[in-house]
């Protein structure tokens, strides 16, 4: 599903956005993985609800306390372990 904040009536990092995302997926928040480049919206916000998160750090700025990837191709190892 594609969730648009304007249609949900709330924006990231509001907890309601992530709750609705989990509901739309039909899974508990703990089974959702958020991936994004904004530490507040894509890492801290989802974690506050118990979701897992990965910082997409294409600019290699680094951000402590979270798994970090430099490109989406690295998600496979996070999701399924090393090949």
PDB file of N, CA and C in Angstrom:
ATOM      1  N   UNK A   1       0.827  -1.193   0.000  1.00  0.00           N
ATOM      2  CA  UNK A   1       0.000   0.000   0.000  1.00  0.00           C
ATOM      3  C   UNK A   1       0.876   1.263   0.000  1.00  0.00           C
ATOM      4  N   UNK A   2       0.354   2.310  -0.581  1.00  0.00           N
ATOM      5  CA  UNK A   2       1.010   3.608  -0.552  1.00  0.00           C
ATOM      6  C   UNK A   2       0.214   4.484   0.401  1.00  0.00           C
ATOM      7  N   UNK A   3       0.907   5.018   1.394  1.00  0.00           N
ATOM      8  CA  UNK A   3       0.252   5.872   2.380  1.00  0.00           C
ATOM      9  C   UNK A   3       0.692   7.310   2.148  1.00  0.00           C
ATOM     10  N   UNK A   4      -0.275   8.184   2.007  1.00  0.00           N
ATOM     11  CA  UNK A   4       0.000   9.597   1.779  1.00  0.00           C
ATOM     12  C   UNK A   4      -0.458  10.357   3.013  1.00  0.00           C
ATOM     13  N   UNK A   5       0.452  11.120   3.593  1.00  0.00           N
ATOM     14  CA  UNK A   5       0.145  11.775   4.857  1.00  0.00           C
ATOM     15  C   UNK A   5      -1.078  12.685   4.759  1.00  0.00           C
ATOM     16  N   UNK A   6      -1.255  13.372   3.649  1.00  0.00           N
ATOM     17  CA  UNK A   6      -2.407  14.267   3.526  1.00  0.00           C
ATOM     18  C   UNK A   6      -3.731  13.498   3.544  1.00  0.00           C
ATOM     19  N   UNK A   7      -3.720  12.269   3.080  1.00  0.00           N
ATOM     20  CA  UNK A   7      -4.938  11.454   3.110  1.00  0.00           C
ATOM     21  C   UNK A   7      -5.167  10.846   4.489  1.00  0.00           C
ATOM     22  N   UNK A   8      -4.099  10.670   5.249  1.00  0.00           N
ATOM     23  CA  UNK A   8      -4.218  10.095   6.583  1.00  0.00           C
ATOM     24  C   UNK A   8      -4.565  11.134   7.636  1.00  0.00           C
ATOM     25  N   UNK A   9      -4.354  12.397   7.322  1.00  0.00           N
ATOM     26  CA  UNK A   9      -4.643  13.455   8.285  1.00  0.00           C
ATOM     27  C   UNK A   9      -3.539  13.656   9.312  1.00  0.00           C
ATOM     28  N   UNK A  10      -2.360  13.132   9.045  1.00  0.00           N
ATOM     29  CA  UNK A  10      -1.218  13.324   9.932  1.00  0.00           C
ATOM     30  C   UNK A  10       0.054  13.111   9.126  1.00  0.00           C
ATOM     31  N   UNK A  11       1.139  13.656   9.643  1.00  0.00           N
ATOM     32  CA  UNK A  11       2.412  13.557   8.929  1.00  0.00           C
ATOM     33  C   UNK A  11       3.451  12.893   9.809  1.00  0.00           C
ATOM     34  N   UNK A  12       4.471  12.343   9.174  1.00  0.00           N
ATOM     35  CA  UNK A  12       5.606  11.839   9.915  1.00  0.00           C
ATOM     36  C   UNK A  12       6.266  13.029  10.607  1.00  0.00           C
ATOM     37  N   UNK A  13       6.736  12.912  11.799  1.00  0.00           N
ATOM     38  CA  UNK A  13       6.873  11.736  12.650  1.00  0.00           C
ATOM     39  C   UNK A  13       5.740  11.513  13.652  1.00  0.00           C
ATOM     40  N   UNK A  14       4.534  11.960  13.360  1.00  0.00           N
ATOM     41  CA  UNK A  14       3.414  11.732  14.280  1.00  0.00           C
ATOM     42  C   UNK A  14       3.177  10.230  14.439  1.00  0.00           C
ATOM     43  N   UNK A  15       3.041   9.743  15.682  1.00  0.00           N
ATOM     44  CA  UNK A  15       2.859   8.304  15.901  1.00  0.00           C
ATOM     45  C   UNK A  15       1.675   7.704  15.138  1.00  0.00           C
ATOM     46  N   UNK A  16       0.625   8.493  14.936  1.00  0.00           N
ATOM     47  CA  UNK A  16      -0.556   7.977  14.221  1.00  0.00           C
ATOM     48  C   UNK A  16      -0.197   7.518  12.804  1.00  0.00           C
ATOM     49  N   UNK A  17       0.721   8.226  12.145  1.00  0.00           N
ATOM     50  CA  UNK A  17       1.129   7.845  10.795  1.00  0.00           C
ATOM     51  C   UNK A  17       1.657   6.413  10.781  1.00  0.00           C
ATOM     52  N   UNK A  18       2.527   6.085  11.717  1.00  0.00           N
ATOM     53  CA  UNK A  18       3.140   4.751  11.755  1.00  0.00           C
ATOM     54  C   UNK A  18       2.132   3.690  12.194  1.00  0.00           C
ATOM     55  N   UNK A  19       1.241   4.060  13.112  1.00  0.00           N
ATOM     56  CA  UNK A  19       0.195   3.122  13.529  1.00  0.00           C
ATOM     57  C   UNK A  19      -0.683   2.756  12.341  1.00  0.00           C
ATOM     58  N   UNK A  20      -1.076   3.763  11.565  1.00  0.00           N
ATOM     59  CA  UNK A  20      -1.908   3.508  10.379  1.00  0.00           C
ATOM     60  C   UNK A  20      -1.155   2.702   9.324  1.00  0.00           C
ATOM     61  N   UNK A  21       0.138   2.934   9.210  1.00  0.00           N
ATOM     62  CA  UNK A  21       0.944   2.155   8.259  1.00  0.00           C
ATOM     63  C   UNK A  21       0.931   0.678   8.637  1.00  0.00           C
ATOM     64  N   UNK A  22       1.135   0.381   9.902  1.00  0.00           N
ATOM     65  CA  UNK A  22       1.115  -1.011  10.346  1.00  0.00           C
ATOM     66  C   UNK A  22      -0.265  -1.629  10.124  1.00  0.00           C
ATOM     67  N   UNK A  23      -1.308  -0.877  10.417  1.00  0.00           N
ATOM     68  CA  UNK A  23      -2.667  -1.372  10.199  1.00  0.00           C
ATOM     69  C   UNK A  23      -2.916  -1.646   8.716  1.00  0.00           C
ATOM     70  N   UNK A  24      -2.460  -0.745   7.857  1.00  0.00           N
ATOM     71  CA  UNK A  24      -2.646  -0.927   6.412  1.00  0.00           C
ATOM     72  C   UNK A  24      -1.927  -2.174   5.915  1.00  0.00           C
ATOM     73  N   UNK A  25      -0.799  -2.484   6.531  1.00  0.00           N
ATOM     74  CA  UNK A  25      -0.050  -3.686   6.162  1.00  0.00           C
ATOM     75  C   UNK A  25      -0.631  -4.941   6.802  1.00  0.00           C
ATOM     76  N   UNK A  26      -1.450  -4.752   7.829  1.00  0.00           N
ATOM     77  CA  UNK A  26      -2.054  -5.881   8.520  1.00  0.00           C
ATOM     78  C   UNK A  26      -1.082  -6.636   9.409  1.00  0.00           C
ATOM     79  N   UNK A  27      -0.099  -5.922   9.932  1.00  0.00           N
ATOM     80  CA  UNK A  27       0.902  -6.548  10.792  1.00  0.00           C
ATOM     81  C   UNK A  27       1.133  -5.687  12.032  1.00  0.00           C
ATOM     82  N   UNK A  28       1.634  -6.296  13.101  1.00  0.00           N
ATOM     83  CA  UNK A  28       1.983  -5.496  14.275  1.00  0.00           C
ATOM     84  C   UNK A  28       3.166  -4.575  13.958  1.00  0.00           C
ATOM     85  N   UNK A  29       3.244  -3.464  14.657  1.00  0.00           N
ATOM     86  CA  UNK A  29       4.321  -2.498  14.433  1.00  0.00           C
ATOM     87  C   UNK A  29       5.698  -3.153  14.519  1.00  0.00           C
ATOM     88  N   UNK A  30       5.869  -4.108  15.390  1.00  0.00           N
ATOM     89  CA  UNK A  30       7.171  -4.772  15.565  1.00  0.00           C
ATOM     90  C   UNK A  30       7.614  -5.535  14.321  1.00  0.00           C
ATOM     91  N   UNK A  31       6.709  -5.783  13.382  1.00  0.00           N
ATOM     92  CA  UNK A  31       7.048  -6.512  12.152  1.00  0.00           C
ATOM     93  C   UNK A  31       7.311  -5.585  10.967  1.00  0.00           C
ATOM     94  N   UNK A  32       7.284  -4.265  11.207  1.00  0.00           N
ATOM     95  CA  UNK A  32       7.482  -3.285  10.144  1.00  0.00           C
ATOM     96  C   UNK A  32       8.926  -2.783  10.170  1.00  0.00           C
ATOM     97  N   UNK A  33       9.518  -2.639   9.005  1.00  0.00           N
ATOM     98  CA  UNK A  33      10.844  -2.052   8.865  1.00  0.00           C
ATOM     99  C   UNK A  33      10.706  -0.746   8.103  1.00  0.00           C
ATOM    100  N   UNK A  34      11.088   0.341   8.756  1.00  0.00           N
ATOM    101  CA  UNK A  34      11.085   1.657   8.121  1.00  0.00           C
ATOM    102  C   UNK A  34      12.476   1.932   7.573  1.00  0.00           C
ATOM    103  N   UNK A  35      12.551   2.374   6.325  1.00  0.00           N
ATOM    104  CA  UNK A  35      13.826   2.703   5.692  1.00  0.00           C
ATOM    105  C   UNK A  35      13.701   4.110   5.135  1.00  0.00           C
ATOM    106  N   UNK A  36      14.621   4.979   5.514  1.00  0.00           N
ATOM    107  CA  UNK A  36      14.567   6.324   4.982  1.00  0.00           C
ATOM    108  C   UNK A  36      15.768   7.151   5.363  1.00  0.00           C
ATOM    109  N   UNK A  37      15.851   8.326   4.754  1.00  0.00           N
ATOM    110  CA  UNK A  37      17.035   9.158   4.931  1.00  0.00           C
ATOM    111  C   UNK A  37      16.884  10.244   5.992  1.00  0.00           C
ATOM    112  N   UNK A  38      15.738  10.345   6.610  1.00  0.00           N
ATOM    113  CA  UNK A  38      15.524  11.371   7.624  1.00  0.00           C
ATOM    114  C   UNK A  38      15.507  10.745   9.013  1.00  0.00           C
ATOM    115  N   UNK A  39      16.479  11.082   9.868  1.00  0.00           N
ATOM    116  CA  UNK A  39      16.554  10.455  11.192  1.00  0.00           C
ATOM    117  C   UNK A  39      15.293  10.624  12.026  1.00  0.00           C
ATOM    118  N   UNK A  40      14.655  11.785  11.988  1.00  0.00           N
ATOM    119  CA  UNK A  40      13.446  11.980  12.784  1.00  0.00           C
ATOM    120  C   UNK A  40      12.248  11.234  12.211  1.00  0.00           C
ATOM    121  N   UNK A  41      12.010  11.422  10.921  1.00  0.00           N
ATOM    122  CA  UNK A  41      10.823  10.833  10.296  1.00  0.00           C
ATOM    123  C   UNK A  41      10.937   9.341  10.058  1.00  0.00           C
ATOM    124  N   UNK A  42      12.111   8.876   9.684  1.00  0.00           N
ATOM    125  CA  UNK A  42      12.263   7.500   9.225  1.00  0.00           C
ATOM    126  C   UNK A  42      12.955   6.576  10.220  1.00  0.00           C
ATOM    127  N   UNK A  43      13.529   7.150  11.274  1.00  0.00           N
ATOM    128  CA  UNK A  43      14.223   6.326  12.261  1.00  0.00           C
ATOM    129  C   UNK A  43      13.602   6.507  13.645  1.00  0.00           C
ATOM    130  N   UNK A  44      13.662   7.696  14.201  1.00  0.00           N
ATOM    131  CA  UNK A  44      13.150   7.921  15.561  1.00  0.00           C
ATOM    132  C   UNK A  44      11.630   7.727  15.654  1.00  0.00           C
ATOM    133  N   UNK A  45      10.894   8.270  14.697  1.00  0.00           N
ATOM    134  CA  UNK A  45       9.435   8.156  14.719  1.00  0.00           C
ATOM    135  C   UNK A  45       8.956   6.715  14.755  1.00  0.00           C
ATOM    136  N   UNK A  46       9.398   5.881  13.810  1.00  0.00           N
ATOM    137  CA  UNK A  46       8.963   4.488  13.824  1.00  0.00           C
ATOM    138  C   UNK A  46       9.436   3.731  15.065  1.00  0.00           C
ATOM    139  N   UNK A  47      10.644   4.004  15.513  1.00  0.00           N
ATOM    140  CA  UNK A  47      11.156   3.304  16.702  1.00  0.00           C
ATOM    141  C   UNK A  47      10.319   3.595  17.935  1.00  0.00           C
ATOM    142  N   UNK A  48       9.781   4.806  18.038  1.00  0.00           N
ATOM    143  CA  UNK A  48       8.950   5.164  19.181  1.00  0.00           C
ATOM    144  C   UNK A  48       7.711   4.279  19.252  1.00  0.00           C
ATOM    145  N   UNK A  49       7.316   3.707  18.133  1.00  0.00           N
ATOM    146  CA  UNK A  49       6.148   2.822  18.081  1.00  0.00           C
ATOM    147  C   UNK A  49       6.533   1.347  18.097  1.00  0.00           C
ATOM    148  N   UNK A  50       7.825   1.064  18.204  1.00  0.00           N
ATOM    149  CA  UNK A  50       8.272  -0.319  18.262  1.00  0.00           C
ATOM    150  C   UNK A  50       8.637  -0.927  16.928  1.00  0.00           C
ATOM    151  N   UNK A  51       8.706  -0.105  15.886  1.00  0.00           N
ATOM    152  CA  UNK A  51       9.115  -0.602  14.570  1.00  0.00           C
ATOM    153  C   UNK A  51      10.638  -0.650  14.494  1.00  0.00           C
ATOM    154  N   UNK A  52      11.123  -1.469  13.602  1.00  0.00           N
ATOM    155  CA  UNK A  52      12.552  -1.480  13.301  1.00  0.00           C
ATOM    156  C   UNK A  52      12.814  -0.387  12.267  1.00  0.00           C
ATOM    157  N   UNK A  53      14.050   0.109  12.233  1.00  0.00           N
ATOM    158  CA  UNK A  53      14.346   1.158  11.265  1.00  0.00           C
ATOM    159  C   UNK A  53      15.782   1.053  10.778  1.00  0.00           C
ATOM    160  N   UNK A  54      15.991   1.528   9.563  1.00  0.00           N
ATOM    161  CA  UNK A  54      17.307   1.550   8.941  1.00  0.00           C
ATOM    162  C   UNK A  54      17.500   2.941   8.335  1.00  0.00           C
ATOM    163  N   UNK A  55      18.625   3.529   8.618  1.00  0.00           N
ATOM    164  CA  UNK A  55      18.942   4.853   8.080  1.00  0.00           C
ATOM    165  C   UNK A  55      19.563   4.687   6.695  1.00  0.00           C
ATOM    166  N   UNK A  56      18.913   5.235   5.680  1.00  0.00           N
ATOM    167  CA  UNK A  56      19.433   5.233   4.314  1.00  0.00           C
ATOM    168  C   UNK A  56      20.348   6.450   4.196  1.00  0.00           C
ATOM    169  N   UNK A  57      21.650   6.212   4.302  1.00  0.00           N
ATOM    170  CA  UNK A  57      22.653   7.275   4.431  1.00  0.00           C
ATOM    171  C   UNK A  57      23.472   7.383   3.157  1.00  0.00           C
ATOM    172  N   UNK A  58      22.836   7.816   2.080  1.00  0.00           N
ATOM    173  CA  UNK A  58      23.525   7.919   0.785  1.00  0.00           C
ATOM    174  C   UNK A  58      24.632   8.966   0.806  1.00  0.00           C
ATOM    175  N   UNK A  59      24.508   9.944   1.684  1.00  0.00           N
ATOM    176  CA  UNK A  59      25.516  11.015   1.760  1.00  0.00           C
ATOM    177  C   UNK A  59      26.638  10.684   2.738  1.00  0.00           C
ATOM    178  N   UNK A  60      26.538   9.532   3.361  1.00  0.00           N
ATOM    179  CA  UNK A  60      27.558   9.037   4.294  1.00  0.00           C
ATOM    180  C   UNK A  60      27.841  10.008   5.433  1.00  0.00           C
ATOM    181  N   UNK A  61      26.768  10.554   5.989  1.00  0.00           N
ATOM    182  CA  UNK A  61      26.914  11.458   7.126  1.00  0.00           C
ATOM    183  C   UNK A  61      27.003  10.679   8.433  1.00  0.00           C
ATOM    184  N   UNK A  62      26.449   9.496   8.422  1.00  0.00           N
ATOM    185  CA  UNK A  62      26.463   8.675   9.625  1.00  0.00           C
ATOM    186  C   UNK A  62      25.474   9.182  10.660  1.00  0.00           C
ATOM    187  N   UNK A  63      24.893   8.268  11.381  1.00  0.00           N
ATOM    188  CA  UNK A  63      23.978   8.601  12.463  1.00  0.00           C
ATOM    189  C   UNK A  63      24.021   7.440  13.433  1.00  0.00           C
ATOM    190  N   UNK A  64      24.364   7.719  14.647  1.00  0.00           N
ATOM    191  CA  UNK A  64      24.592   6.662  15.637  1.00  0.00           C
ATOM    192  C   UNK A  64      23.283   5.981  16.045  1.00  0.00           C
ATOM    193  N   UNK A  65      23.421   4.810  16.583  1.00  0.00           N
ATOM    194  CA  UNK A  65      22.336   4.062  17.225  1.00  0.00           C
ATOM    195  C   UNK A  65      21.300   3.478  16.277  1.00  0.00           C
ATOM    196  N   UNK A  66      21.660   3.252  15.049  1.00  0.00           N
ATOM    197  CA  UNK A  66      20.730   2.594  14.141  1.00  0.00           C
ATOM    198  C   UNK A  66      21.512   1.900  13.037  1.00  0.00           C
ATOM    199  N   UNK A  67      20.979   0.810  12.512  1.00  0.00           N
ATOM    200  CA  UNK A  67      21.620   0.226  11.332  1.00  0.00           C
ATOM    201  C   UNK A  67      21.639   1.256  10.205  1.00  0.00           C
ATOM    202  N   UNK A  68      22.690   1.257   9.417  1.00  0.00           N
ATOM    203  CA  UNK A  68      22.866   2.244   8.364  1.00  0.00           C
ATOM    204  C   UNK A  68      23.237   1.535   7.073  1.00  0.00           C
ATOM    205  N   UNK A  69      22.636   1.992   5.984  1.00  0.00           N
ATOM    206  CA  UNK A  69      22.999   1.490   4.665  1.00  0.00           C
ATOM    207  C   UNK A  69      23.244   2.684   3.760  1.00  0.00           C
ATOM    208  N   UNK A  70      24.023   2.473   2.700  1.00  0.00           N
ATOM    209  CA  UNK A  70      24.315   3.559   1.771  1.00  0.00           C
ATOM    210  C   UNK A  70      23.488   3.454   0.489  1.00  0.00           C
ATOM    211  N   UNK A  71      22.785   2.350   0.312  1.00  0.00           N
ATOM    212  CA  UNK A  71      21.931   2.158  -0.856  1.00  0.00           C
ATOM    213  C   UNK A  71      20.916   1.067  -0.576  1.00  0.00           C
ATOM    214  N   UNK A  72      19.826   1.085  -1.298  1.00  0.00           N
ATOM    215  CA  UNK A  72      18.751   0.119  -1.056  1.00  0.00           C
ATOM    216  C   UNK A  72      19.156  -1.319  -1.350  1.00  0.00           C
ATOM    217  N   UNK A  73      20.167  -1.505  -2.200  1.00  0.00           N
ATOM    218  CA  UNK A  73      20.611  -2.871  -2.498  1.00  0.00           C
ATOM    219  C   UNK A  73      21.130  -3.579  -1.245  1.00  0.00           C
ATOM    220  N   UNK A  74      21.501  -2.831  -0.223  1.00  0.00           N
ATOM    221  CA  UNK A  74      22.006  -3.425   1.019  1.00  0.00           C
ATOM    222  C   UNK A  74      20.891  -3.967   1.909  1.00  0.00           C
ATOM    223  N   UNK A  75      19.653  -3.704   1.583  1.00  0.00           N
ATOM    224  CA  UNK A  75      18.537  -4.195   2.398  1.00  0.00           C
ATOM    225  C   UNK A  75      18.452  -5.714   2.437  1.00  0.00           C
ATOM    226  N   UNK A  76      18.833  -6.350   1.372  1.00  0.00           N
ATOM    227  CA  UNK A  76      18.738  -7.818   1.328  1.00  0.00           C
ATOM    228  C   UNK A  76      19.504  -8.457   2.478  1.00  0.00           C
ATOM    229  N   UNK A  77      20.689  -7.973   2.757  1.00  0.00           N
ATOM    230  CA  UNK A  77      21.488  -8.536   3.856  1.00  0.00           C
ATOM    231  C   UNK A  77      20.832  -8.265   5.205  1.00  0.00           C
ATOM    232  N   UNK A  78      20.201  -7.111   5.359  1.00  0.00           N
ATOM    233  CA  UNK A  78      19.522  -6.784   6.621  1.00  0.00           C
ATOM    234  C   UNK A  78      18.303  -7.677   6.797  1.00  0.00           C
ATOM    235  N   UNK A  79      17.550  -7.856   5.728  1.00  0.00           N
ATOM    236  CA  UNK A  79      16.318  -8.639   5.809  1.00  0.00           C
ATOM    237  C   UNK A  79      16.555 -10.133   5.906  1.00  0.00           C
ATOM    238  N   UNK A  80      17.545 -10.634   5.170  1.00  0.00           N
ATOM    239  CA  UNK A  80      17.723 -12.079   5.057  1.00  0.00           C
ATOM    240  C   UNK A  80      19.059 -12.586   5.554  1.00  0.00           C
ATOM    241  N   UNK A  81      19.938 -11.684   5.989  1.00  0.00           N
ATOM    242  CA  UNK A  81      21.258 -12.086   6.454  1.00  0.00           C
ATOM    243  C   UNK A  81      22.244 -12.149   5.291  1.00  0.00           C
ATOM    244  N   UNK A  82      23.522 -12.278   5.619  1.00  0.00           N
ATOM    245  CA  UNK A  82      24.543 -12.332   4.563  1.00  0.00           C
ATOM    246  C   UNK A  82      24.336 -13.520   3.633  1.00  0.00           C
ATOM    247  N   UNK A  83      24.708 -13.338   2.382  1.00  0.00           N
ATOM    248  CA  UNK A  83      24.532 -14.389   1.374  1.00  0.00           C
ATOM    249  C   UNK A  83      25.479 -15.549   1.615  1.00  0.00           C
TER     250      UNK A  83
END
